Protein backbone atom coordinates (compact mmCIF):
# COMPACT_ATOMS: atom_id res chain seq x y z
CA MET A 1 8.54 40.45 77.17
CA ASN A 2 11.12 37.93 78.42
CA LYS A 3 9.64 34.82 80.05
CA ILE A 4 10.58 31.41 81.43
CA ARG A 5 8.21 28.49 81.99
CA PHE A 6 8.81 25.41 84.14
CA SER A 7 6.64 22.36 84.52
CA GLY A 8 5.52 21.69 88.07
CA LEU A 9 7.52 18.46 88.21
CA GLN A 10 10.71 20.27 87.15
CA TYR A 11 10.12 23.06 89.64
CA ASN A 12 9.46 20.79 92.62
CA ALA A 13 12.60 18.74 91.96
CA LEU A 14 14.62 21.94 91.48
CA LYS A 15 13.44 23.46 94.76
CA THR A 16 14.32 20.27 96.62
CA HIS A 17 17.83 20.30 95.13
CA LEU A 18 18.52 23.99 95.75
CA PHE A 19 17.41 23.87 99.39
CA PRO A 20 18.74 20.62 100.92
CA GLY A 21 18.56 22.10 104.42
CA ASP A 22 22.22 22.96 105.00
CA GLY A 23 21.79 26.72 104.45
CA CYS A 24 24.30 26.83 101.60
CA GLU A 25 23.88 27.82 97.98
CA ALA A 26 23.41 25.17 95.30
CA VAL A 27 23.13 25.33 91.52
CA ALA A 28 21.37 23.70 88.57
CA ILE A 29 21.31 24.19 84.80
CA ALA A 30 18.17 24.04 82.66
CA LEU A 31 18.06 23.21 78.96
CA CYS A 32 15.23 25.12 77.29
CA GLY A 33 13.33 25.36 74.06
CA ARG A 34 12.36 28.75 72.70
CA SER A 35 9.03 30.30 71.79
CA ARG A 36 8.93 33.57 69.90
CA TYR A 37 5.66 35.42 69.39
CA GLY A 38 5.41 39.14 68.76
CA ASP A 39 7.67 40.87 71.26
CA ASN A 40 7.69 37.86 73.59
CA HIS A 41 10.65 35.49 73.90
CA THR A 42 9.82 32.57 76.18
CA LEU A 43 12.25 29.90 77.34
CA THR A 44 10.45 26.60 77.93
CA VAL A 45 12.33 24.24 80.22
CA GLN A 46 12.95 20.77 78.76
CA GLU A 47 15.23 19.25 81.37
CA VAL A 48 17.12 20.33 84.47
CA MET A 49 20.58 19.11 85.44
CA HIS A 50 21.22 19.34 89.19
CA VAL A 51 24.90 20.01 89.81
CA PRO A 52 25.90 17.49 92.53
CA TYR A 53 26.79 19.07 95.87
CA GLU A 54 29.98 17.03 96.06
CA ALA A 55 31.07 18.27 92.63
CA CYS A 56 31.08 21.91 93.77
CA PHE A 57 34.40 23.51 94.69
CA GLU A 58 32.72 25.62 97.35
CA ARG A 59 29.26 25.90 98.88
CA LYS A 60 28.58 28.66 101.41
CA PRO A 61 25.51 30.67 102.47
CA ASP A 62 26.48 33.50 100.09
CA ARG A 63 28.26 31.76 97.21
CA VAL A 64 28.65 28.58 95.20
CA SER A 65 31.56 27.62 92.96
CA TRP A 66 31.28 24.68 90.57
CA PRO A 67 33.09 23.12 87.57
CA THR A 68 31.43 24.47 84.44
CA ASP A 69 32.51 21.49 82.34
CA VAL A 70 29.58 19.57 83.83
CA ILE A 71 27.33 21.43 81.40
CA ASN A 72 29.16 20.16 78.30
CA PRO A 73 26.48 17.53 77.52
CA LEU A 74 23.83 20.27 77.63
CA LEU A 75 25.94 22.52 75.41
CA GLU A 76 26.13 19.77 72.82
CA LYS A 77 22.34 19.40 72.84
CA ALA A 78 21.85 23.17 72.67
CA ALA A 79 24.24 23.48 69.71
CA LYS A 80 22.18 21.07 67.60
CA LYS A 81 18.83 22.82 68.00
CA ASN A 82 19.50 26.43 69.06
CA LEU A 83 18.36 25.74 72.61
CA ALA A 84 18.89 27.98 75.62
CA LEU A 85 20.74 27.36 78.87
CA VAL A 86 19.53 28.79 82.17
CA LYS A 87 21.70 28.81 85.27
CA ILE A 88 19.64 28.63 88.47
CA HIS A 89 21.06 28.98 91.96
CA CYS A 90 19.58 29.84 95.34
CA HIS A 91 19.94 32.59 97.92
CA PRO A 92 19.23 30.89 101.27
CA GLY A 93 19.44 34.24 103.06
CA TYR A 94 16.59 35.79 101.02
CA TYR A 95 18.89 38.31 99.28
CA GLU A 96 16.55 39.56 96.54
CA ALA A 97 19.14 40.67 93.99
CA PHE A 98 22.16 39.43 92.09
CA SER A 99 25.27 39.88 94.23
CA ASP A 100 28.66 41.09 93.01
CA ILE A 101 29.82 37.47 93.09
CA ASP A 102 26.80 36.49 90.97
CA ASN A 103 27.57 39.26 88.48
CA TYR A 104 31.16 38.12 88.11
CA SER A 105 30.35 34.42 87.73
CA ASP A 106 27.45 35.07 85.32
CA ASP A 107 29.62 37.28 83.15
CA ARG A 108 32.28 34.56 82.82
CA LEU A 109 29.77 31.75 82.30
CA PHE A 110 27.61 33.41 79.65
CA ARG A 111 30.54 34.84 77.70
CA SER A 112 31.79 31.26 77.49
CA ILE A 113 28.37 29.86 76.53
CA HIS A 114 27.88 32.45 73.78
CA ALA A 115 31.40 31.82 72.45
CA TRP A 116 30.73 28.08 72.36
CA LEU A 117 27.27 28.17 70.75
CA GLN A 118 27.66 31.16 68.40
CA PHE A 119 23.91 31.88 68.41
CA ASP A 120 22.46 35.36 68.34
CA GLU A 121 19.95 34.29 71.00
CA PRO A 122 19.81 34.96 74.75
CA HIS A 123 20.50 32.61 77.64
CA ALA A 124 19.46 33.28 81.23
CA SER A 125 20.35 33.26 84.91
CA CYS A 126 17.80 32.88 87.73
CA ILE A 127 17.79 32.97 91.51
CA MET A 128 15.37 31.05 93.73
CA LEU A 129 14.51 32.30 97.21
CA PRO A 130 13.54 30.04 100.15
CA ASP A 131 9.82 30.66 99.55
CA GLY A 132 10.24 29.30 96.01
CA ARG A 133 10.03 32.62 94.20
CA LEU A 134 12.21 32.99 91.12
CA PHE A 135 13.60 36.07 89.40
CA GLY A 136 16.25 36.46 86.75
CA ARG A 137 17.77 38.04 83.67
CA PHE A 138 18.56 37.33 80.03
CA PHE A 139 22.06 37.66 78.56
CA ASP A 140 22.16 38.61 74.87
CA SER A 141 25.03 37.53 72.63
CA ASP A 142 26.68 40.94 73.18
CA MET A 143 26.21 40.44 76.95
CA THR A 144 23.48 43.05 77.21
CA ILE A 145 21.33 42.22 80.24
CA HIS A 146 17.52 42.25 80.19
CA HIS A 147 15.32 41.49 83.18
CA ILE A 148 12.94 38.53 82.97
CA GLN A 149 9.44 39.93 83.28
CA GLN A 150 7.48 36.73 83.88
CA ILE A 151 8.31 33.30 85.31
CA THR A 152 5.61 30.63 85.37
CA VAL A 153 5.33 27.18 86.93
CA ALA A 154 2.72 24.97 85.24
CA GLY A 155 2.01 22.27 87.79
CA SER A 156 -0.64 21.01 90.17
CA GLU A 157 -0.21 24.47 91.65
CA ILE A 158 0.30 27.37 89.26
CA HIS A 159 2.94 29.90 90.28
CA GLN A 160 3.54 33.07 88.33
CA TRP A 161 5.81 35.97 89.20
CA HIS A 162 5.54 39.26 87.34
CA TYR A 163 8.24 41.88 87.26
CA SER A 164 6.25 44.30 85.11
CA SER A 165 2.61 45.35 85.15
CA GLU A 166 0.74 45.67 81.87
CA TYR A 167 -2.80 45.42 83.20
CA ALA A 168 -4.38 47.14 86.16
CA TYR A 169 -7.53 45.80 87.77
CA ASN A 170 -10.34 48.01 89.07
CA GLU A 171 -10.50 47.41 92.82
CA LYS A 172 -14.06 48.77 93.07
CA LEU A 173 -15.30 46.22 90.53
CA GLN A 174 -13.43 43.37 92.21
CA VAL A 175 -14.28 43.98 95.88
CA ARG A 176 -16.16 40.66 96.35
CA ASN A 177 -13.52 38.65 94.52
CA LEU A 178 -10.83 40.33 96.61
CA GLN A 179 -12.57 39.16 99.77
CA ALA A 180 -12.74 35.57 98.50
CA PHE A 181 -9.34 35.11 96.88
CA GLY A 182 -7.23 38.04 98.01
CA LYS A 183 -5.57 40.96 96.29
CA ARG A 184 -2.59 38.96 95.03
CA THR A 185 -4.76 36.41 93.19
CA ILE A 186 -6.97 39.05 91.57
CA GLN A 187 -3.89 41.03 90.54
CA LEU A 188 -2.45 37.85 89.07
CA LEU A 189 -5.63 37.20 87.08
CA SER A 190 -5.53 40.75 85.72
CA ASN A 191 -2.06 40.01 84.31
CA MET A 192 -3.01 36.67 82.78
CA LYS A 193 -3.62 35.74 79.18
CA ILE A 194 -5.99 32.76 79.03
CA GLY A 195 -7.02 30.74 76.01
CA VAL A 196 -10.52 29.28 75.76
CA VAL A 197 -11.10 26.89 72.86
CA GLY A 198 -14.78 26.28 72.23
CA CYS A 199 -17.29 29.06 72.93
CA SER A 200 -20.54 27.11 73.11
CA GLY A 201 -22.09 25.16 76.01
CA THR A 202 -19.32 24.99 78.61
CA GLY A 203 -17.04 27.48 76.84
CA SER A 204 -19.41 30.44 77.04
CA ILE A 205 -19.88 29.76 80.76
CA VAL A 206 -16.13 29.55 81.38
CA ILE A 207 -15.69 32.86 79.55
CA GLU A 208 -18.45 34.47 81.61
CA GLN A 209 -16.67 33.52 84.84
CA LEU A 210 -13.18 34.50 83.71
CA LYS A 211 -14.25 37.93 82.48
CA ARG A 212 -15.94 38.68 85.82
CA TYR A 213 -12.80 37.63 87.69
CA GLY A 214 -11.05 40.36 85.71
CA VAL A 215 -8.74 38.24 83.56
CA GLY A 216 -6.55 40.65 81.61
CA HIS A 217 -6.61 39.01 78.18
CA LEU A 218 -8.83 36.28 76.74
CA VAL A 219 -8.06 34.38 73.54
CA LEU A 220 -11.25 32.88 72.10
CA VAL A 221 -11.23 30.14 69.46
CA ASP A 222 -14.28 28.67 67.72
CA PRO A 223 -14.99 28.30 63.98
CA ASP A 224 -18.76 27.93 64.46
CA TYR A 225 -21.69 30.35 64.64
CA VAL A 226 -24.84 30.69 66.73
CA ASP A 227 -27.94 28.97 65.36
CA PHE A 228 -31.33 27.98 66.73
CA LEU A 229 -29.98 24.58 67.83
CA ASN A 230 -27.40 26.03 70.23
CA LEU A 231 -29.19 29.25 71.20
CA ASN A 232 -30.50 27.50 74.34
CA ARG A 233 -27.03 26.88 75.78
CA ILE A 234 -24.72 29.75 74.75
CA LEU A 235 -24.63 32.54 77.32
CA CYS A 236 -25.08 36.08 76.01
CA SER A 237 -26.43 34.89 72.64
CA ILE A 238 -29.76 36.29 71.44
CA ARG A 239 -32.28 35.44 68.74
CA VAL A 240 -30.85 37.88 66.23
CA ASP A 241 -27.47 36.13 66.54
CA ALA A 242 -29.09 32.89 65.43
CA GLU A 243 -30.91 34.62 62.59
CA ARG A 244 -27.69 36.24 61.35
CA LYS A 245 -25.51 33.21 62.14
CA THR A 246 -23.18 35.40 64.18
CA ALA A 247 -19.84 33.81 65.04
CA LYS A 248 -19.74 32.55 68.62
CA THR A 249 -16.47 34.37 69.25
CA ILE A 250 -18.05 37.66 68.17
CA VAL A 251 -20.94 37.12 70.59
CA MET A 252 -18.47 36.45 73.40
CA GLU A 253 -16.33 39.47 72.54
CA ARG A 254 -19.41 41.70 72.50
CA ALA A 255 -20.45 40.50 75.97
CA ILE A 256 -16.94 40.91 77.38
CA LYS A 257 -16.67 44.49 76.17
CA GLU A 258 -20.16 45.37 77.41
CA THR A 259 -19.25 44.14 80.91
CA GLY A 260 -16.67 46.92 81.15
CA PHE A 261 -13.78 45.20 82.93
CA ASN A 262 -11.30 46.26 80.21
CA THR A 263 -10.45 42.67 79.32
CA LEU A 264 -8.50 42.44 76.07
CA VAL A 265 -9.94 39.97 73.54
CA THR A 266 -8.25 38.13 70.69
CA ARG A 267 -10.59 35.93 68.69
CA PHE A 268 -10.29 33.35 65.95
CA GLU A 269 -13.14 32.00 63.86
CA LYS A 270 -10.88 29.07 62.95
CA HIS A 271 -10.16 25.50 63.89
CA VAL A 272 -7.61 25.10 66.67
CA SER A 273 -5.23 23.40 64.21
CA ALA A 274 -4.50 26.65 62.31
CA VAL A 275 -0.88 27.81 62.68
CA ASP A 276 -1.73 31.32 63.88
CA VAL A 277 -4.16 29.88 66.44
CA VAL A 278 -1.54 27.47 67.79
CA LYS A 279 1.02 30.26 68.16
CA GLU A 280 -1.46 32.55 69.93
CA LEU A 281 -2.52 29.80 72.33
CA ALA A 282 1.12 28.90 72.99
CA ASP A 283 1.60 32.48 74.18
CA CYS A 284 -1.17 32.12 76.79
CA ASP A 285 -0.63 31.40 80.49
CA ILE A 286 -3.24 28.64 80.75
CA LEU A 287 -5.64 26.86 78.39
CA PHE A 288 -9.27 25.80 78.79
CA SER A 289 -10.50 23.04 76.50
CA CYS A 290 -14.26 23.26 75.93
CA VAL A 291 -14.38 21.15 72.77
CA ASP A 292 -16.28 17.98 71.91
CA GLY A 293 -13.84 16.22 69.61
CA ALA A 294 -10.63 14.24 69.94
CA GLU A 295 -8.55 16.27 67.48
CA GLY A 296 -9.02 19.53 69.37
CA ARG A 297 -8.16 17.88 72.68
CA HIS A 298 -5.06 16.29 71.16
CA ILE A 299 -3.78 19.57 69.74
CA LEU A 300 -4.36 21.37 73.04
CA ASN A 301 -2.53 18.61 74.92
CA LEU A 302 0.38 19.04 72.48
CA ILE A 303 0.46 22.81 73.07
CA SER A 304 0.40 22.17 76.83
CA SER A 305 3.42 19.88 76.55
CA PHE A 306 5.51 21.79 74.00
CA TYR A 307 5.07 25.14 75.75
CA ASN A 308 4.75 24.13 79.44
CA LEU A 309 1.15 25.18 80.05
CA VAL A 310 -1.56 23.82 82.33
CA LEU A 311 -4.56 22.56 80.35
CA ILE A 312 -8.02 22.28 81.92
CA ASP A 313 -10.38 20.12 79.87
CA MET A 314 -14.06 19.53 80.52
CA GLY A 315 -16.82 17.45 79.05
CA VAL A 316 -20.48 16.59 79.57
CA LYS A 317 -22.10 13.29 78.61
CA LEU A 318 -25.86 12.74 78.42
CA GLU A 319 -27.11 9.28 77.49
CA ALA A 320 -30.75 9.25 76.44
CA GLU A 321 -33.09 6.28 76.54
CA GLU A 322 -35.19 5.32 73.54
CA GLY A 323 -38.39 6.35 75.28
CA GLY A 324 -37.19 9.91 75.72
CA GLY A 325 -35.85 9.59 79.26
CA ILE A 326 -32.30 10.13 80.45
CA LYS A 327 -30.21 7.08 81.19
CA ASP A 328 -27.12 8.80 82.55
CA ILE A 329 -25.64 12.28 82.98
CA HIS A 330 -22.07 12.82 84.02
CA GLY A 331 -19.39 15.45 83.64
CA CYS A 332 -15.66 15.48 84.06
CA VAL A 333 -12.94 18.08 84.50
CA HIS A 334 -9.34 17.08 83.73
CA ILE A 335 -6.33 19.07 84.89
CA VAL A 336 -3.30 18.29 82.71
CA GLN A 337 0.22 19.42 83.51
CA PRO A 338 3.25 18.97 81.24
CA GLY A 339 5.17 15.80 82.02
CA GLY A 340 2.23 14.16 83.79
CA SER A 341 -0.59 11.99 82.55
CA SER A 342 -2.41 13.20 79.43
CA LEU A 343 -5.93 13.15 78.06
CA LEU A 344 -4.70 10.37 75.77
CA SER A 345 -3.29 8.19 78.57
CA ARG A 346 -6.45 8.82 80.61
CA GLY A 347 -8.52 7.34 77.80
CA GLN A 348 -10.39 10.52 76.89
CA TYR A 349 -9.71 9.86 73.22
CA SER A 350 -7.73 7.50 70.98
CA VAL A 351 -5.18 8.13 68.24
CA GLU A 352 -7.60 6.60 65.74
CA MET A 353 -10.30 9.08 66.77
CA VAL A 354 -7.86 11.95 66.19
CA ARG A 355 -6.98 10.63 62.75
CA SER A 356 -10.62 10.13 61.83
CA GLU A 357 -11.59 13.68 62.79
CA ALA A 358 -8.59 15.16 60.98
CA ILE A 359 -9.54 13.35 57.77
CA ARG A 360 -13.19 14.37 58.09
CA ARG A 361 -12.13 17.99 58.48
CA ALA A 362 -9.57 18.01 55.67
CA ASN A 363 -10.93 15.60 53.08
CA SER A 364 -14.49 14.35 52.97
CA GLU A 365 -13.68 12.16 49.93
CA GLU A 366 -11.03 10.33 51.95
CA VAL A 367 -13.69 9.48 54.52
CA LYS A 368 -15.80 7.80 51.86
CA ARG A 369 -12.85 5.68 50.72
CA ASN A 370 -11.72 4.65 54.21
CA GLN A 371 -14.66 2.74 55.61
CA TYR A 372 -12.50 1.40 58.46
CA LEU A 373 -12.16 4.83 60.06
CA ALA A 374 -13.20 4.92 63.69
CA ALA A 375 -16.69 6.23 64.35
CA VAL A 376 -16.52 9.84 65.41
CA GLN A 377 -19.00 10.96 68.06
CA GLU A 378 -21.57 13.43 66.78
CA SER A 379 -22.77 16.27 68.99
CA SER A 380 -24.83 15.01 71.90
CA PRO A 381 -27.68 16.86 73.59
CA ALA A 382 -26.67 19.48 76.15
CA VAL A 383 -28.44 21.01 79.12
CA ILE A 384 -27.36 24.45 80.25
CA SER A 385 -27.65 23.74 83.99
CA ILE A 386 -25.42 20.68 83.64
CA ASN A 387 -22.94 22.66 81.56
CA MET A 388 -22.90 25.37 84.22
CA GLN A 389 -21.99 22.99 87.02
CA VAL A 390 -19.17 21.40 85.02
CA ALA A 391 -17.83 24.76 83.80
CA ALA A 392 -17.94 26.13 87.36
CA ALA A 393 -16.01 23.08 88.59
CA ALA A 394 -13.38 23.74 85.90
CA VAL A 395 -12.91 27.38 86.87
CA ASN A 396 -12.83 26.47 90.58
CA GLU A 397 -10.06 23.97 89.82
CA PHE A 398 -8.13 26.76 88.13
CA LEU A 399 -8.61 29.10 91.10
CA ALA A 400 -7.60 26.36 93.54
CA ARG A 401 -4.29 25.98 91.67
CA LEU A 402 -3.64 29.73 91.87
CA HIS A 403 -4.83 30.15 95.45
CA PRO A 404 -4.92 26.79 97.32
CA PHE A 405 -7.98 26.88 99.57
CA ARG A 406 -8.95 23.22 99.98
CA ASN A 407 -8.15 20.64 102.62
CA VAL A 408 -6.95 18.30 99.86
CA HIS A 409 -3.57 18.80 98.19
CA ASN A 410 -3.82 19.88 94.56
CA SER A 411 -1.26 17.23 93.66
CA ASP A 412 -3.83 14.58 94.62
CA ILE A 413 -6.42 15.86 92.14
CA ASP A 414 -5.92 15.32 88.41
CA ALA A 415 -9.59 14.98 87.52
CA VAL A 416 -12.97 15.68 89.06
CA LYS A 417 -15.88 13.39 88.15
CA ILE A 418 -19.48 14.55 88.59
CA MET A 419 -22.14 11.81 88.51
CA PHE A 420 -25.45 13.66 88.37
CA ASN A 421 -27.62 10.53 88.59
CA ASP A 422 -26.03 9.61 91.92
CA CYS A 423 -25.53 13.17 93.23
CA VAL A 424 -21.83 12.37 93.65
CA SER A 425 -18.70 14.36 92.89
CA TYR A 426 -15.25 12.94 93.55
CA PRO A 427 -11.59 13.60 92.66
CA GLU A 428 -9.19 11.22 90.94
CA SER A 429 -5.41 11.01 91.10
CA LEU A 430 -3.82 10.03 87.77
CA PRO A 431 -0.10 10.58 88.30
CA ASP A 432 1.51 8.19 85.78
CA PRO A 433 3.36 10.15 83.05
CA CYS A 434 2.19 9.71 79.47
CA PRO A 435 5.09 8.33 77.40
CA PHE A 436 3.76 9.90 74.19
CA PHE A 437 3.60 13.48 75.50
CA LEU A 438 6.56 13.24 77.90
CA LYS A 439 9.08 13.52 75.08
CA TYR A 440 7.60 16.86 73.99
CA VAL A 441 7.85 18.73 77.31
CA GLY A 442 9.37 22.18 76.82
CA LYS A 443 10.29 21.70 73.16
CA GLY A 444 8.85 25.10 72.24
CA ASP A 445 8.99 26.16 68.60
CA ILE A 446 10.24 23.40 66.35
CA GLU A 447 9.85 22.67 62.64
CA PRO A 448 7.25 21.46 61.95
CA LEU A 449 5.20 23.15 64.67
CA LEU A 450 4.01 20.66 67.31
CA ASN A 451 5.86 18.02 65.25
CA ASN A 452 2.84 18.08 62.92
CA PRO A 453 3.63 18.22 59.17
CA GLU A 454 0.32 20.02 58.52
CA LEU A 455 1.63 22.94 60.61
CA SER A 456 4.97 23.14 58.80
CA GLN A 457 6.33 26.43 57.48
CA ASN A 458 8.30 24.36 54.97
CA ASP A 459 6.25 24.12 51.77
CA GLU A 460 7.67 20.72 50.80
CA ILE A 461 6.88 19.17 54.19
CA PHE A 462 3.38 20.69 54.12
CA ARG A 463 2.62 19.38 50.62
CA LYS A 464 3.62 15.86 51.65
CA ALA A 465 1.34 16.08 54.70
CA VAL A 466 -1.75 17.10 52.75
């Protein structure tokens, strides 16, 4: 499948440039990373160059002519790292196809780009319509044309356009959901591949909701098993699972299949830092973080940035008093979009916490030697009803981004805080970009993966890391 992914910030700026209000065509060029997984080739937008209106030779309602030498700086960047170029122009008159003029100009442009770069990799051309919808095509090195089957915008609102249909939802099973969110949203969910990392307290509840909304494909990640300590908070787990120490992902897969919605399941009984897990999650359309630790959150935030994915993170905090009472209960849902603020910049974890957890996981002897390592939070008590409210808030945030239904703009909500002691729930706006993650937006597959030596395919780099 051929795909393109934009961040929401890139998309909004692009739409503003392509439709300045004069009714004439305009053009922009995107520089993209690449992600290859199975049969999927995804272009992940890193930056977008808006061709100035005044630089164009001609701008009319049905054509735009511009000097192609303006893309030379992007060609130089692409040549160094095998990046892709995507030409994007608009059709103000809603013409939903490539015109003869488009065909001629694309043929000249992409023959030139392929001759310059000498890569056996595709580049792409897209058209945006006045309603913001995008469609397009890939150009192989031999100028064979392939339609783009999926274009995604990972922003405060999630847009996704499909030009193929792999999954079909059962309308009889979804009648109530259709009434609430509409046929388009339910059809979109049936085409989505969603990653859920952590299948315990909040994770099992997120999975329960997503499967009943008819999500087409769920990727489940958790290295742990069911025991008698977590039996009271994992949906669909039973006593025999605790006795047999059944993997949490297996319990979730069993429940999904028994529900009968034909949801595909891919599961990993591994830590999220494993290379095959990272690649599978990078191929998803959205990620849910239901983990306790800093390292897992950090890796998921990296995947979100490198591959232009929305990340929804959630957490529950219960502070107990010495006498057995409860001092404080609060939950939080964070919505992270590439190029915006991150879980790191929002203070949800520190770099030292990430390092500490990574060392604990990889080398217990190193922990003993490094007494200065930051204290890593151990698992805190959990209450299923609290977990349910936070997990429901997380899924509702996801649905609100697919199908805006609130009186508040999604762009004004980056986090939702739930203070159970005070019976208060309120949104927070956290718009300032995170400088650490900003530089990774749209990078896609690089060596080492996620710029992490431990994920390197190069044996020498890997040995130095460990």
